[in-house]
């Protein structure tokens, strides 16, 4: 399940984009179902990952997933620069 951890934020985001693009075509009840199913699936995946993490030893319960390599270093550089100027 840890291999699919990046689906947790991606599912609701994909549903939001889908509803933004095709929401009027889907209609009111169907677009709501798309959002509900995506959010529910994200929650279910979160619970499954949590339960898998509970099965690990305490020292192994850390998982870092880097999604954007350059973006993270740029943010850190900006934060460090702002804190040095104050």
C-alpha atoms as a PDB file:
ATOM      1  CA  UNK A   1       0.000   0.000   0.000  1.00  0.00           C
ATOM      2  CA  UNK A   2       2.882   2.409   0.584  1.00  0.00           C
ATOM      3  CA  UNK A   3       3.564   2.358  -3.157  1.00  0.00           C
ATOM      4  CA  UNK A   4       0.137   3.922  -3.738  1.00  0.00           C
ATOM      5  CA  UNK A   5       0.426   6.646  -1.102  1.00  0.00           C
ATOM      6  CA  UNK A   6       0.662   9.343  -3.766  1.00  0.00           C
ATOM      7  CA  UNK A   7      -2.920   8.500  -4.789  1.00  0.00           C
ATOM      8  CA  UNK A   8      -4.198  10.015  -1.517  1.00  0.00           C
ATOM      9  CA  UNK A   9      -3.952  13.651  -2.677  1.00  0.00           C
ATOM     10  CA  UNK A  10      -4.242  12.775  -6.369  1.00  0.00           C
ATOM     11  CA  UNK A  11      -7.755  11.242  -6.275  1.00  0.00           C
ATOM     12  CA  UNK A  12      -9.608  14.319  -4.943  1.00  0.00           C
ATOM     13  CA  UNK A  13      -7.501  16.600  -7.143  1.00  0.00           C
ATOM     14  CA  UNK A  14      -8.333  14.554 -10.248  1.00  0.00           C
ATOM     15  CA  UNK A  15     -12.034  14.599  -9.330  1.00  0.00           C
ATOM     16  CA  UNK A  16     -11.936  18.374  -8.884  1.00  0.00           C
ATOM     17  CA  UNK A  17     -10.313  18.841 -12.293  1.00  0.00           C
ATOM     18  CA  UNK A  18     -12.762  16.401 -13.868  1.00  0.00           C
ATOM     19  CA  UNK A  19     -15.711  18.238 -12.335  1.00  0.00           C
ATOM     20  CA  UNK A  20     -14.241  21.572 -13.398  1.00  0.00           C
ATOM     21  CA  UNK A  21     -13.929  20.447 -17.001  1.00  0.00           C
ATOM     22  CA  UNK A  22     -16.953  18.158 -17.377  1.00  0.00           C
ATOM     23  CA  UNK A  23     -19.140  19.078 -14.412  1.00  0.00           C
ATOM     24  CA  UNK A  24     -21.923  20.686 -16.418  1.00  0.00           C
ATOM     25  CA  UNK A  25     -21.995  17.756 -18.808  1.00  0.00           C
ATOM     26  CA  UNK A  26     -22.231  15.277 -15.907  1.00  0.00           C
ATOM     27  CA  UNK A  27     -25.045  17.190 -14.276  1.00  0.00           C
ATOM     28  CA  UNK A  28     -25.697  17.899 -10.636  1.00  0.00           C
ATOM     29  CA  UNK A  29     -26.044  14.420  -9.109  1.00  0.00           C
ATOM     30  CA  UNK A  30     -23.291  12.735 -11.142  1.00  0.00           C
ATOM     31  CA  UNK A  31     -20.659  15.381 -10.517  1.00  0.00           C
ATOM     32  CA  UNK A  32     -21.390  15.088  -6.804  1.00  0.00           C
ATOM     33  CA  UNK A  33     -20.929  11.341  -7.004  1.00  0.00           C
ATOM     34  CA  UNK A  34     -17.567  11.766  -8.749  1.00  0.00           C
ATOM     35  CA  UNK A  35     -16.340  14.007  -5.935  1.00  0.00           C
ATOM     36  CA  UNK A  36     -17.767  11.741  -3.231  1.00  0.00           C
ATOM     37  CA  UNK A  37     -16.268   8.568  -4.680  1.00  0.00           C
ATOM     38  CA  UNK A  38     -12.846  10.198  -5.106  1.00  0.00           C
ATOM     39  CA  UNK A  39     -12.850  11.568  -1.559  1.00  0.00           C
ATOM     40  CA  UNK A  40     -14.099   8.269  -0.121  1.00  0.00           C
ATOM     41  CA  UNK A  41     -11.479   6.321  -2.048  1.00  0.00           C
ATOM     42  CA  UNK A  42      -8.782   8.653  -0.777  1.00  0.00           C
ATOM     43  CA  UNK A  43     -10.005   8.157   2.787  1.00  0.00           C
ATOM     44  CA  UNK A  44     -10.108   4.369   2.374  1.00  0.00           C
ATOM     45  CA  UNK A  45      -6.575   4.370   0.989  1.00  0.00           C
ATOM     46  CA  UNK A  46      -5.440   6.514   3.920  1.00  0.00           C
ATOM     47  CA  UNK A  47      -6.922   4.023   6.393  1.00  0.00           C
ATOM     48  CA  UNK A  48      -5.266   1.093   4.595  1.00  0.00           C
ATOM     49  CA  UNK A  49      -1.874   2.824   4.619  1.00  0.00           C
ATOM     50  CA  UNK A  50      -2.338   3.660   8.307  1.00  0.00           C
ATOM     51  CA  UNK A  51      -3.135   0.046   9.143  1.00  0.00           C
ATOM     52  CA  UNK A  52      -0.119  -1.135   7.169  1.00  0.00           C
ATOM     53  CA  UNK A  53       2.092   1.326   9.043  1.00  0.00           C
ATOM     54  CA  UNK A  54       0.755   0.040  12.374  1.00  0.00           C
ATOM     55  CA  UNK A  55       1.945  -3.435  11.418  1.00  0.00           C
ATOM     56  CA  UNK A  56       5.539  -2.221  11.110  1.00  0.00           C
ATOM     57  CA  UNK A  57       8.033  -1.877  13.921  1.00  0.00           C
ATOM     58  CA  UNK A  58       8.125   1.542  15.584  1.00  0.00           C
ATOM     59  CA  UNK A  59      11.460   2.453  13.965  1.00  0.00           C
ATOM     60  CA  UNK A  60      10.139   1.598  10.481  1.00  0.00           C
ATOM     61  CA  UNK A  61       6.958   3.721  10.679  1.00  0.00           C
ATOM     62  CA  UNK A  62       8.389   6.588   8.698  1.00  0.00           C
ATOM     63  CA  UNK A  63       7.737   7.049   4.997  1.00  0.00           C
ATOM     64  CA  UNK A  64       8.856   9.997   2.917  1.00  0.00           C
ATOM     65  CA  UNK A  65       7.537  10.443  -0.601  1.00  0.00           C
ATOM     66  CA  UNK A  66       9.177  13.229  -2.603  1.00  0.00           C
ATOM     67  CA  UNK A  67       6.823  14.346  -5.350  1.00  0.00           C
ATOM     68  CA  UNK A  68       8.590  17.463  -6.587  1.00  0.00           C
ATOM     69  CA  UNK A  69      12.358  17.503  -6.170  1.00  0.00           C
ATOM     70  CA  UNK A  70      13.273  20.973  -7.442  1.00  0.00           C
ATOM     71  CA  UNK A  71      10.229  22.662  -5.935  1.00  0.00           C
ATOM     72  CA  UNK A  72      11.041  21.557  -2.376  1.00  0.00           C
ATOM     73  CA  UNK A  73      14.617  22.858  -2.521  1.00  0.00           C
ATOM     74  CA  UNK A  74      13.432  26.191  -3.974  1.00  0.00           C
ATOM     75  CA  UNK A  75      10.913  26.633  -1.131  1.00  0.00           C
ATOM     76  CA  UNK A  76      13.585  25.818   1.449  1.00  0.00           C
ATOM     77  CA  UNK A  77      15.933  28.342  -0.158  1.00  0.00           C
ATOM     78  CA  UNK A  78      13.245  31.027  -0.063  1.00  0.00           C
ATOM     79  CA  UNK A  79      12.413  30.285   3.571  1.00  0.00           C
ATOM     80  CA  UNK A  80      16.088  30.376   4.569  1.00  0.00           C
ATOM     81  CA  UNK A  81      16.598  33.628   2.663  1.00  0.00           C
ATOM     82  CA  UNK A  82      13.586  35.254   4.326  1.00  0.00           C
ATOM     83  CA  UNK A  83      14.687  34.160   7.788  1.00  0.00           C
ATOM     84  CA  UNK A  84      18.227  35.499   7.246  1.00  0.00           C
ATOM     85  CA  UNK A  85      17.008  38.948   6.228  1.00  0.00           C
ATOM     86  CA  UNK A  86      15.047  39.482   9.443  1.00  0.00           C
END
